[in-house]
Structures are given as C-alpha cells and as structure tokens.
Amino acid sequence: MQQRLRIADPRTFRTAAMVVVALLCSSLAQPAQADLDGHGPDGWRVTGVSPGDVLNARMGPGIDYPIIEAFDHDERGLQQITCVPFYTMTHFQAMSEAELAALPASWCLMRDAAMLKAGWVAQRFLMPDDAIELTETASEEAGSDGLIAEAEQLVRDLYSAHAGGGALEPSAAAAYFTADIVDHLASGGFGADPLFGAQDFDGTVDRIARDPDEPMFRGMITINVDFTNFGQAQRAVFYLRADTTQPGAPLRIFRVEHEGWGYP
C-alpha cells in the first residue's frame, strides 16, 4: 500500500486543502446517511491495512486522484457520506449478475469521527463497526465459521418455532429479528408470511444453509432457505448481523428477501 503523499507544490496543497474543507463543511450541513433501506451501520472502520501502514484517502473516487489524507490502519467511527457506483436495493435486484460484475470497484467518501479529515477510499478497506465488535467478542475457537453456524441454527430455530405457531408474535420474534422488524410484525404491516413470502403455506422446508458463495461479508451473514410451497420451489434469503442495540450484540435477522421483493 502506498505511503501518504506529501504534496510539494504549494498551489496543489492549497487546492487539496480547499477540497477537504469543502467536503467537511458540506457534510456538516447534512448528517451522513446509512443505507437507503434504513439498515446501514452508524459507523465504519478501516480493515485489511497492516499495522504501521495507512489507508490513503483521495480527492476523488479512484487511484488517478491525488492523495489528500490518510486514515489509520485501525481507525474506527468513520462516517460514510456517499459511495459510487450508486444503487439502491431495487436497482441491485433489477441488475443481472453480468451487469453487476461490470460495475467499477466501489469507492466511498468518508470522514473521521472528529470531522477533521475526509476523502475517497476504496470500499474494500471498510467494514461496519458493529461487525468488528462481533468478531472481536467472539471466541477464537468459534471464529467466523462458528458465527455462520450460529446464524444457520437461529434460522432453523425460527422455522421450527414457526411450525409450532406464535414465532412471529412480538414477544417471540424478538429472539430472531431486529427491533424494527418486530415492530413491523406487531403492526401487521407485511401482509404476507415473512418466512414463505405468501399468505398461505402448503409444502415443505427442504434446506437451510449458509450461502455457498459468500456466507459472510463485512460482518453480514447470508443464510438461504429453500422450500416448496404449493408445488413451487422457492427460496428465502436471510441476512443477519450483530444487533449492537442489545446486550452482548446477539445475531439477529435484519432483512429477508424473496424473489422480486424483500423487507423491510
């Protein structure tokens, strides 16, 4: 990884400084937002950078832009202003795998917790703060594999409890879902069974397992549930991560997706 650039030309330095000041001032006027689905992390941290090295922050989203700042290898509490390429979950679901693969690597405009530094960094060097907290509090023996196994078991337990009835009642659902989903279940706002994506179910649950391609990414665990309903093979995809609003940051489901739709 490159070391932080020292700009020798005073005119270049003034220009870079003005860009940082402009970024900071504009971001102060409007708080950094989380993901558009309302479930993005409140803070980010640097990952994948060796101790003693830094994460370069650039004037624009790409290596062709000059380095204007640097974040520490273990810096936490970073605020995300925006990322490119920009797309919502709706855009993501509408794009083919080939179209997604053709997108350029993601870059994000970040600022530090003190709002003194800002710049564009490659997204692959960022991880949600809550995901780091999850891995740091997990036992060494469990590791990521143990967390994924725990997520699989949580989803299995949910389907087992649901078969017995009452699993989606707010008092029971809190053991599986984040608080916003529990609130939505309490209001009856989904209109369909969130486990099967339909109002009625007549079939079998065939397989509950971690996603084979990317079971864990930035602290988010993906569990696939394959089932048959009224003779049709279907899949529900569950996304889980540490719920830092609860003591001990237990794994909880924060999003469920069915073909063509998802919630919340």
C-alpha atoms as a PDB file:
ATOM      1  CA  MET A   1       0.000   0.000   0.000  1.00  0.00           C
ATOM      2  CA  GLN A   2       1.336   3.456  -0.833  1.00  0.00           C
ATOM      3  CA  GLN A   3       2.511   5.728   1.937  1.00  0.00           C
ATOM      4  CA  ARG A   4       0.782   9.048   2.402  1.00  0.00           C
ATOM      5  CA  LEU A   5       1.710  11.539  -0.304  1.00  0.00           C
ATOM      6  CA  ARG A   6       3.422  14.793   0.681  1.00  0.00           C
ATOM      7  CA  ILE A   7       2.401  17.496  -1.787  1.00  0.00           C
ATOM      8  CA  ALA A   8       5.346  19.705  -2.617  1.00  0.00           C
ATOM      9  CA  ASP A   9       3.685  22.270  -4.888  1.00  0.00           C
ATOM     10  CA  PRO A  10       2.000  24.950  -2.672  1.00  0.00           C
ATOM     11  CA  ARG A  11      -0.693  25.541  -5.281  1.00  0.00           C
ATOM     12  CA  THR A  12      -1.586  21.844  -5.268  1.00  0.00           C
ATOM     13  CA  PHE A  13      -1.596  21.829  -1.485  1.00  0.00           C
ATOM     14  CA  ARG A  14      -3.961  24.804  -1.355  1.00  0.00           C
ATOM     15  CA  THR A  15      -6.297  23.134  -3.841  1.00  0.00           C
ATOM     16  CA  ALA A  16      -6.324  19.869  -1.895  1.00  0.00           C
ATOM     17  CA  ALA A  17      -6.927  21.682   1.379  1.00  0.00           C
ATOM     18  CA  MET A  18      -9.838  23.617  -0.108  1.00  0.00           C
ATOM     19  CA  VAL A  19     -11.404  20.333  -1.301  1.00  0.00           C
ATOM     20  CA  VAL A  20     -11.170  18.812   2.184  1.00  0.00           C
ATOM     21  CA  VAL A  21     -12.651  21.937   3.797  1.00  0.00           C
ATOM     22  CA  ALA A  22     -15.480  21.974   1.269  1.00  0.00           C
ATOM     23  CA  LEU A  23     -16.235  18.309   1.886  1.00  0.00           C
ATOM     24  CA  LEU A  24     -16.279  18.756   5.630  1.00  0.00           C
ATOM     25  CA  CYS A  25     -18.435  21.873   5.518  1.00  0.00           C
ATOM     26  CA  SER A  26     -20.950  20.358   3.145  1.00  0.00           C
ATOM     27  CA  SER A  27     -21.172  17.148   5.185  1.00  0.00           C
ATOM     28  CA  LEU A  28     -21.770  19.115   8.376  1.00  0.00           C
ATOM     29  CA  ALA A  29     -24.883  20.610   6.846  1.00  0.00           C
ATOM     30  CA  GLN A  30     -26.378  17.142   6.386  1.00  0.00           C
ATOM     31  CA  PRO A  31     -25.591  14.079   8.537  1.00  0.00           C
ATOM     32  CA  ALA A  32     -24.036  11.092   6.798  1.00  0.00           C
ATOM     33  CA  GLN A  33     -26.790   8.653   5.948  1.00  0.00           C
ATOM     34  CA  ALA A  34     -26.875   4.911   6.381  1.00  0.00           C
ATOM     35  CA  ASP A  35     -28.001   2.572   3.605  1.00  0.00           C
ATOM     36  CA  LEU A  36     -31.213   3.636   1.879  1.00  0.00           C
ATOM     37  CA  ASP A  37     -33.043   0.651   3.315  1.00  0.00           C
ATOM     38  CA  GLY A  38     -32.510   2.196   6.738  1.00  0.00           C
ATOM     39  CA  HIS A  39     -30.269  -0.565   7.997  1.00  0.00           C
ATOM     40  CA  GLY A  40     -26.777   0.720   7.267  1.00  0.00           C
ATOM     41  CA  PRO A  41     -24.280   0.890  10.121  1.00  0.00           C
ATOM     42  CA  ASP A  42     -23.863   4.068  12.147  1.00  0.00           C
ATOM     43  CA  GLY A  43     -20.078   3.881  11.872  1.00  0.00           C
ATOM     44  CA  TRP A  44     -17.352   2.243   9.818  1.00  0.00           C
ATOM     45  CA  ARG A  45     -13.780   1.190  10.481  1.00  0.00           C
ATOM     46  CA  VAL A  46     -10.673   0.539   8.414  1.00  0.00           C
ATOM     47  CA  THR A  47      -9.886  -3.108   7.706  1.00  0.00           C
ATOM     48  CA  GLY A  48      -7.288  -5.006   5.697  1.00  0.00           C
ATOM     49  CA  VAL A  49      -4.487  -2.487   6.317  1.00  0.00           C
ATOM     50  CA  SER A  50      -1.281  -3.643   8.015  1.00  0.00           C
ATOM     51  CA  PRO A  51      -0.205  -2.060  11.330  1.00  0.00           C
ATOM     52  CA  GLY A  52       2.140   0.837  10.654  1.00  0.00           C
ATOM     53  CA  ASP A  53       0.523   1.456   7.265  1.00  0.00           C
ATOM     54  CA  VAL A  54      -2.338   3.840   6.456  1.00  0.00           C
ATOM     55  CA  LEU A  55      -5.415   3.895   4.247  1.00  0.00           C
ATOM     56  CA  ASN A  56      -4.961   6.604   1.653  1.00  0.00           C
ATOM     57  CA  ALA A  57      -7.872   8.996   1.142  1.00  0.00           C
ATOM     58  CA  ARG A  58      -8.030  10.649  -2.282  1.00  0.00           C
ATOM     59  CA  MET A  59      -9.544  13.743  -3.845  1.00  0.00           C
ATOM     60  CA  GLY A  60     -11.870  11.614  -5.964  1.00  0.00           C
ATOM     61  CA  PRO A  61     -13.105   8.021  -6.371  1.00  0.00           C
ATOM     62  CA  GLY A  62     -10.100   6.334  -7.978  1.00  0.00           C
ATOM     63  CA  ILE A  63      -6.331   5.943  -7.897  1.00  0.00           C
ATOM     64  CA  ASP A  64      -5.919   8.621 -10.562  1.00  0.00           C
ATOM     65  CA  TYR A  65      -6.834  11.270  -7.985  1.00  0.00           C
ATOM     66  CA  PRO A  66      -4.145  12.649  -5.647  1.00  0.00           C
ATOM     67  CA  ILE A  67      -3.930  11.523  -2.033  1.00  0.00           C
ATOM     68  CA  ILE A  68      -5.103  14.290   0.279  1.00  0.00           C
ATOM     69  CA  GLU A  69      -5.451  12.482   3.602  1.00  0.00           C
ATOM     70  CA  ALA A  70      -4.908   9.143   5.348  1.00  0.00           C
ATOM     71  CA  PHE A  71      -6.782   7.112   7.929  1.00  0.00           C
ATOM     72  CA  ASP A  72      -5.041   4.903  10.498  1.00  0.00           C
ATOM     73  CA  HIS A  73      -4.895   1.156   9.860  1.00  0.00           C
ATOM     74  CA  ASP A  74      -7.365   0.518  12.700  1.00  0.00           C
ATOM     75  CA  GLU A  75      -9.363   3.760  12.635  1.00  0.00           C
ATOM     76  CA  ARG A  76     -12.952   3.458  13.820  1.00  0.00           C
ATOM     77  CA  GLY A  77     -16.050   5.625  13.892  1.00  0.00           C
ATOM     78  CA  LEU A  78     -15.721   6.757  10.278  1.00  0.00           C
ATOM     79  CA  GLN A  79     -18.814   8.341   8.766  1.00  0.00           C
ATOM     80  CA  GLN A  80     -19.882   7.459   5.223  1.00  0.00           C
ATOM     81  CA  ILE A  81     -21.063  10.400   3.129  1.00  0.00           C
ATOM     82  CA  THR A  82     -21.711   8.578  -0.164  1.00  0.00           C
ATOM     83  CA  CYS A  83     -20.399   5.790  -2.376  1.00  0.00           C
ATOM     84  CA  VAL A  84     -20.078   5.197  -6.126  1.00  0.00           C
ATOM     85  CA  PRO A  85     -21.351   3.374  -8.100  1.00  0.00           C
ATOM     86  CA  PHE A  86     -24.661   4.364  -6.520  1.00  0.00           C
ATOM     87  CA  TYR A  87     -27.578   1.955  -6.472  1.00  0.00           C
ATOM     88  CA  THR A  88     -30.460   1.088  -4.177  1.00  0.00           C
ATOM     89  CA  MET A  89     -31.680  -2.406  -3.326  1.00  0.00           C
ATOM     90  CA  THR A  90     -34.276  -2.036  -6.092  1.00  0.00           C
ATOM     91  CA  HIS A  91     -31.544  -1.262  -8.631  1.00  0.00           C
ATOM     92  CA  PHE A  92     -29.450  -4.150  -7.323  1.00  0.00           C
ATOM     93  CA  GLN A  93     -32.291  -6.645  -7.692  1.00  0.00           C
ATOM     94  CA  ALA A  94     -33.073  -5.416 -11.217  1.00  0.00           C
ATOM     95  CA  MET A  95     -29.498  -5.879 -12.494  1.00  0.00           C
ATOM     96  CA  SER A  96     -28.152  -9.129 -13.876  1.00  0.00           C
ATOM     97  CA  GLU A  97     -25.009 -10.775 -12.489  1.00  0.00           C
ATOM     98  CA  ALA A  98     -23.142  -9.692 -15.625  1.00  0.00           C
ATOM     99  CA  GLU A  99     -24.232  -6.074 -15.160  1.00  0.00           C
ATOM    100  CA  LEU A 100     -23.204  -6.108 -11.510  1.00  0.00           C
ATOM    101  CA  ALA A 101     -19.831  -7.663 -12.380  1.00  0.00           C
ATOM    102  CA  ALA A 102     -19.237  -4.959 -14.988  1.00  0.00           C
ATOM    103  CA  LEU A 103     -19.562  -2.144 -12.443  1.00  0.00           C
ATOM    104  CA  PRO A 104     -16.291  -0.495 -11.400  1.00  0.00           C
ATOM    105  CA  ALA A 105     -14.916  -1.124  -7.924  1.00  0.00           C
ATOM    106  CA  SER A 106     -16.763   0.837  -5.236  1.00  0.00           C
ATOM    107  CA  TRP A 107     -15.258   3.961  -3.643  1.00  0.00           C
ATOM    108  CA  CYS A 108     -16.706   5.809  -0.677  1.00  0.00           C
ATOM    109  CA  LEU A 109     -16.365   9.389   0.535  1.00  0.00           C
ATOM    110  CA  MET A 110     -15.545   9.090   4.237  1.00  0.00           C
ATOM    111  CA  ARG A 111     -14.822  11.459   7.118  1.00  0.00           C
ATOM    112  CA  ASP A 112     -13.339  10.714  10.513  1.00  0.00           C
ATOM    113  CA  ALA A 113     -15.258  10.876  13.786  1.00  0.00           C
ATOM    114  CA  ALA A 114     -13.719  14.256  14.669  1.00  0.00           C
ATOM    115  CA  MET A 115     -14.722  15.666  11.239  1.00  0.00           C
ATOM    116  CA  LEU A 116     -11.152  16.838  10.647  1.00  0.00           C
ATOM    117  CA  LYS A 117     -10.272  14.532   7.738  1.00  0.00           C
ATOM    118  CA  ALA A 118     -12.211  13.452   4.661  1.00  0.00           C
ATOM    119  CA  GLY A 119     -11.501  11.797   1.335  1.00  0.00           C
ATOM    120  CA  TRP A 120     -12.385   8.957  -1.034  1.00  0.00           C
ATOM    121  CA  VAL A 121     -11.238   5.430  -0.147  1.00  0.00           C
ATOM    122  CA  ALA A 122     -11.684   2.014  -1.772  1.00  0.00           C
ATOM    123  CA  GLN A 123     -14.728   0.362  -0.205  1.00  0.00           C
ATOM    124  CA  ARG A 124     -12.937  -2.978   0.173  1.00  0.00           C
ATOM    125  CA  PHE A 125     -10.963  -1.426   3.058  1.00  0.00           C
ATOM    126  CA  LEU A 126     -14.113  -0.558   5.050  1.00  0.00           C
ATOM    127  CA  MET A 127     -16.146  -2.645   7.462  1.00  0.00           C
ATOM    128  CA  PRO A 128     -19.096  -1.765   9.717  1.00  0.00           C
ATOM    129  CA  ASP A 129     -18.056  -1.006  13.278  1.00  0.00           C
ATOM    130  CA  ASP A 130     -20.665  -3.412  14.658  1.00  0.00           C
ATOM    131  CA  ALA A 131     -19.280  -6.254  12.540  1.00  0.00           C
ATOM    132  CA  ILE A 132     -15.836  -5.732  14.028  1.00  0.00           C
ATOM    133  CA  GLU A 133     -17.329  -5.723  17.508  1.00  0.00           C
ATOM    134  CA  LEU A 134     -18.978  -9.027  16.745  1.00  0.00           C
ATOM    135  CA  THR A 135     -15.774 -10.768  15.651  1.00  0.00           C
ATOM    136  CA  GLU A 136     -13.757  -9.279  18.490  1.00  0.00           C
ATOM    137  CA  THR A 137     -16.176 -10.544  21.152  1.00  0.00           C
ATOM    138  CA  ALA A 138     -16.496 -13.997  19.611  1.00  0.00           C
ATOM    139  CA  SER A 139     -14.288 -16.766  20.921  1.00  0.00           C
ATOM    140  CA  GLU A 140     -11.221 -17.703  18.893  1.00  0.00           C
ATOM    141  CA  GLU A 141     -12.494 -21.269  18.628  1.00  0.00           C
ATOM    142  CA  ALA A 142     -15.752 -20.171  17.061  1.00  0.00           C
ATOM    143  CA  GLY A 143     -14.320 -17.696  14.553  1.00  0.00           C
ATOM    144  CA  SER A 144     -16.357 -16.730  11.513  1.00  0.00           C
ATOM    145  CA  ASP A 145     -17.283 -20.361  10.886  1.00  0.00           C
ATOM    146  CA  GLY A 146     -18.856 -20.583  14.316  1.00  0.00           C
ATOM    147  CA  LEU A 147     -20.816 -17.376  13.771  1.00  0.00           C
ATOM    148  CA  ILE A 148     -22.154 -18.651  10.465  1.00  0.00           C
ATOM    149  CA  ALA A 149     -23.167 -21.920  12.132  1.00  0.00           C
ATOM    150  CA  GLU A 150     -24.897 -19.890  14.847  1.00  0.00           C
ATOM    151  CA  ALA A 151     -26.792 -17.934  12.183  1.00  0.00           C
ATOM    152  CA  GLU A 152     -27.862 -21.161  10.464  1.00  0.00           C
ATOM    153  CA  GLN A 153     -29.155 -22.517  13.754  1.00  0.00           C
ATOM    154  CA  LEU A 154     -31.043 -19.300  14.515  1.00  0.00           C
ATOM    155  CA  VAL A 155     -32.906 -19.527  11.204  1.00  0.00           C
ATOM    156  CA  ARG A 156     -33.609 -23.235  11.757  1.00  0.00           C
ATOM    157  CA  ASP A 157     -34.963 -22.453  15.203  1.00  0.00           C
ATOM    158  CA  LEU A 158     -37.165 -19.747  13.718  1.00  0.00           C
ATOM    159  CA  TYR A 159     -38.735 -22.137  11.194  1.00  0.00           C
ATOM    160  CA  SER A 160     -39.197 -24.816  13.859  1.00  0.00           C
ATOM    161  CA  ALA A 161     -40.869 -22.347  16.210  1.00  0.00           C
ATOM    162  CA  HIS A 162     -42.995 -21.003  13.367  1.00  0.00           C
ATOM    163  CA  ALA A 163     -44.275 -24.501  12.602  1.00  0.00           C
ATOM    164  CA  GLY A 164     -45.486 -24.700  16.173  1.00  0.00           C
ATOM    165  CA  GLY A 165     -47.199 -21.323  15.910  1.00  0.00           C
ATOM    166  CA  GLY A 166     -46.553 -17.981  17.609  1.00  0.00           C
ATOM    167  CA  ALA A 167     -42.944 -17.409  16.457  1.00  0.00           C
ATOM    168  CA  LEU A 168     -43.909 -14.135  14.779  1.00  0.00           C
ATOM    169  CA  GLU A 169     -45.629 -12.719  17.826  1.00  0.00           C
ATOM    170  CA  PRO A 170     -43.599  -9.688  19.046  1.00  0.00           C
ATOM    171  CA  SER A 171     -42.587 -11.326  22.323  1.00  0.00           C
ATOM    172  CA  ALA A 172     -41.202 -14.372  20.473  1.00  0.00           C
ATOM    173  CA  ALA A 173     -39.956 -12.632  17.305  1.00  0.00           C
ATOM    174  CA  ALA A 174     -37.505 -10.526  19.318  1.00  0.00           C
ATOM    175  CA  ALA A 175     -35.359 -13.641  19.712  1.00  0.00           C
ATOM    176  CA  TYR A 176     -34.836 -13.752  15.946  1.00  0.00           C
ATOM    177  CA  PHE A 177     -35.327 -10.297  14.410  1.00  0.00           C
ATOM    178  CA  THR A 178     -34.100  -6.749  14.938  1.00  0.00           C
ATOM    179  CA  ALA A 179     -36.447  -4.376  16.776  1.00  0.00           C
ATOM    180  CA  ASP A 180     -37.726  -2.611  13.646  1.00  0.00           C
ATOM    181  CA  ILE A 181     -38.879  -5.892  12.118  1.00  0.00           C
ATOM    182  CA  VAL A 182     -40.523  -6.896  15.397  1.00  0.00           C
ATOM    183  CA  ASP A 183     -42.379  -3.571  15.412  1.00  0.00           C
ATOM    184  CA  HIS A 184     -43.479  -4.137  11.825  1.00  0.00           C
ATOM    185  CA  LEU A 185     -44.708  -7.627  12.659  1.00  0.00           C
ATOM    186  CA  ALA A 186     -46.672  -6.197  15.573  1.00  0.00           C
ATOM    187  CA  SER A 187     -48.393  -3.752  13.236  1.00  0.00           C
ATOM    188  CA  GLY A 188     -49.226  -6.470  10.687  1.00  0.00           C
ATOM    189  CA  GLY A 189     -47.570  -4.371   8.017  1.00  0.00           C
ATOM    190  CA  PHE A 190     -46.039  -7.142   5.862  1.00  0.00           C
ATOM    191  CA  GLY A 191     -49.262  -8.595   4.507  1.00  0.00           C
ATOM    192  CA  ALA A 192     -47.571 -11.951   3.882  1.00  0.00           C
ATOM    193  CA  ASP A 193     -45.781 -14.573   5.916  1.00  0.00           C
ATOM    194  CA  PRO A 194     -42.170 -13.316   6.019  1.00  0.00           C
ATOM    195  CA  LEU A 195     -40.786 -16.852   6.108  1.00  0.00           C
ATOM    196  CA  PHE A 196     -42.601 -18.035   2.986  1.00  0.00           C
ATOM    197  CA  GLY A 197     -43.409 -14.820   1.132  1.00  0.00           C
ATOM    198  CA  ALA A 198     -47.073 -15.721   0.842  1.00  0.00           C
ATOM    199  CA  GLN A 199     -50.252 -15.585   2.883  1.00  0.00           C
ATOM    200  CA  ASP A 200     -50.643 -19.364   2.888  1.00  0.00           C
ATOM    201  CA  PHE A 201     -48.178 -22.237   3.049  1.00  0.00           C
ATOM    202  CA  ASP A 202     -48.695 -25.831   1.978  1.00  0.00           C
ATOM    203  CA  GLY A 203     -45.403 -27.587   1.438  1.00  0.00           C
ATOM    204  CA  THR A 204     -42.035 -28.431   2.954  1.00  0.00           C
ATOM    205  CA  VAL A 205     -38.865 -26.697   4.043  1.00  0.00           C
ATOM    206  CA  ASP A 206     -36.173 -28.507   2.084  1.00  0.00           C
ATOM    207  CA  ARG A 207     -32.869 -26.905   3.068  1.00  0.00           C
ATOM    208  CA  ILE A 208     -31.490 -24.236   5.398  1.00  0.00           C
ATOM    209  CA  ALA A 209     -27.827 -23.447   4.803  1.00  0.00           C
ATOM    210  CA  ARG A 210     -25.240 -20.700   4.523  1.00  0.00           C
ATOM    211  CA  ASP A 211     -24.834 -19.032   1.153  1.00  0.00           C
ATOM    212  CA  PRO A 212     -22.227 -21.130  -0.691  1.00  0.00           C
ATOM    213  CA  ASP A 213     -20.559 -18.211  -2.477  1.00  0.00           C
ATOM    214  CA  GLU A 214     -20.392 -15.519   0.210  1.00  0.00           C
ATOM    215  CA  PRO A 215     -21.690 -16.716   3.576  1.00  0.00           C
ATOM    216  CA  MET A 216     -20.152 -13.788   5.464  1.00  0.00           C
ATOM    217  CA  PHE A 217     -19.233 -10.343   4.143  1.00  0.00           C
ATOM    218  CA  ARG A 218     -18.330  -7.375   6.350  1.00  0.00           C
ATOM    219  CA  GLY A 219     -19.985  -8.995   9.328  1.00  0.00           C
ATOM    220  CA  MET A 220     -23.237  -9.721   7.456  1.00  0.00           C
ATOM    221  CA  ILE A 221     -24.158 -13.411   7.287  1.00  0.00           C
ATOM    222  CA  THR A 222     -26.342 -14.772   4.488  1.00  0.00           C
ATOM    223  CA  ILE A 223     -28.499 -17.862   5.036  1.00  0.00           C
ATOM    224  CA  ASN A 224     -30.567 -19.414   2.230  1.00  0.00           C
ATOM    225  CA  VAL A 225     -33.807 -21.288   2.892  1.00  0.00           C
ATOM    226  CA  ASP A 226     -35.088 -23.482   0.052  1.00  0.00           C
ATOM    227  CA  PHE A 227     -38.700 -24.610   0.360  1.00  0.00           C
ATOM    228  CA  THR A 228     -41.602 -25.885  -1.700  1.00  0.00           C
ATOM    229  CA  ASN A 229     -44.951 -24.133  -1.471  1.00  0.00           C
ATOM    230  CA  PHE A 230     -47.993 -25.429  -3.382  1.00  0.00           C
ATOM    231  CA  GLY A 231     -45.627 -27.452  -5.567  1.00  0.00           C
ATOM    232  CA  GLN A 232     -43.370 -24.497  -6.450  1.00  0.00           C
ATOM    233  CA  ALA A 233     -39.677 -24.454  -5.471  1.00  0.00           C
ATOM    234  CA  GLN A 234     -38.808 -21.128  -3.824  1.00  0.00           C
ATOM    235  CA  ARG A 235     -36.041 -19.514  -1.806  1.00  0.00           C
ATOM    236  CA  ALA A 236     -35.945 -17.033   1.068  1.00  0.00           C
ATOM    237  CA  VAL A 237     -32.667 -15.254   1.807  1.00  0.00           C
ATOM    238  CA  PHE A 238     -31.998 -14.151   5.392  1.00  0.00           C
ATOM    239  CA  TYR A 239     -29.406 -11.512   6.290  1.00  0.00           C
ATOM    240  CA  LEU A 240     -28.089 -11.442   9.854  1.00  0.00           C
ATOM    241  CA  ARG A 241     -25.587  -9.389  11.803  1.00  0.00           C
ATOM    242  CA  ALA A 242     -24.784  -8.438  15.376  1.00  0.00           C
ATOM    243  CA  ASP A 243     -27.528  -6.349  16.951  1.00  0.00           C
ATOM    244  CA  THR A 244     -25.461  -3.862  18.962  1.00  0.00           C
ATOM    245  CA  THR A 245     -28.617  -2.328  20.457  1.00  0.00           C
ATOM    246  CA  GLN A 246     -28.968  -5.433  22.633  1.00  0.00           C
ATOM    247  CA  PRO A 247     -26.686  -6.604  25.453  1.00  0.00           C
ATOM    248  CA  GLY A 248     -23.995  -8.908  24.129  1.00  0.00           C
ATOM    249  CA  ALA A 249     -24.734  -7.950  20.487  1.00  0.00           C
ATOM    250  CA  PRO A 250     -26.569 -11.200  19.569  1.00  0.00           C
ATOM    251  CA  LEU A 251     -27.093 -12.234  15.971  1.00  0.00           C
ATOM    252  CA  ARG A 252     -30.424 -11.064  14.623  1.00  0.00           C
ATOM    253  CA  ILE A 253     -32.156 -11.088  11.232  1.00  0.00           C
ATOM    254  CA  PHE A 254     -32.311  -7.577   9.789  1.00  0.00           C
ATOM    255  CA  ARG A 255     -33.599  -8.333   6.280  1.00  0.00           C
ATOM    256  CA  VAL A 256     -35.415 -11.113   4.431  1.00  0.00           C
ATOM    257  CA  GLU A 257     -35.708 -11.340   0.647  1.00  0.00           C
ATOM    258  CA  HIS A 258     -37.945 -13.376  -1.609  1.00  0.00           C
ATOM    259  CA  GLU A 259     -37.956 -13.410  -5.391  1.00  0.00           C
ATOM    260  CA  GLY A 260     -38.919  -9.940  -6.535  1.00  0.00           C
ATOM    261  CA  TRP A 261     -39.378  -8.381  -3.086  1.00  0.00           C
ATOM    262  CA  GLY A 262     -37.901  -8.081   0.359  1.00  0.00           C
ATOM    263  CA  TYR A 263     -38.454  -6.408   3.696  1.00  0.00           C
ATOM    264  CA  PRO A 264     -38.177  -4.188   5.481  1.00  0.00           C
END
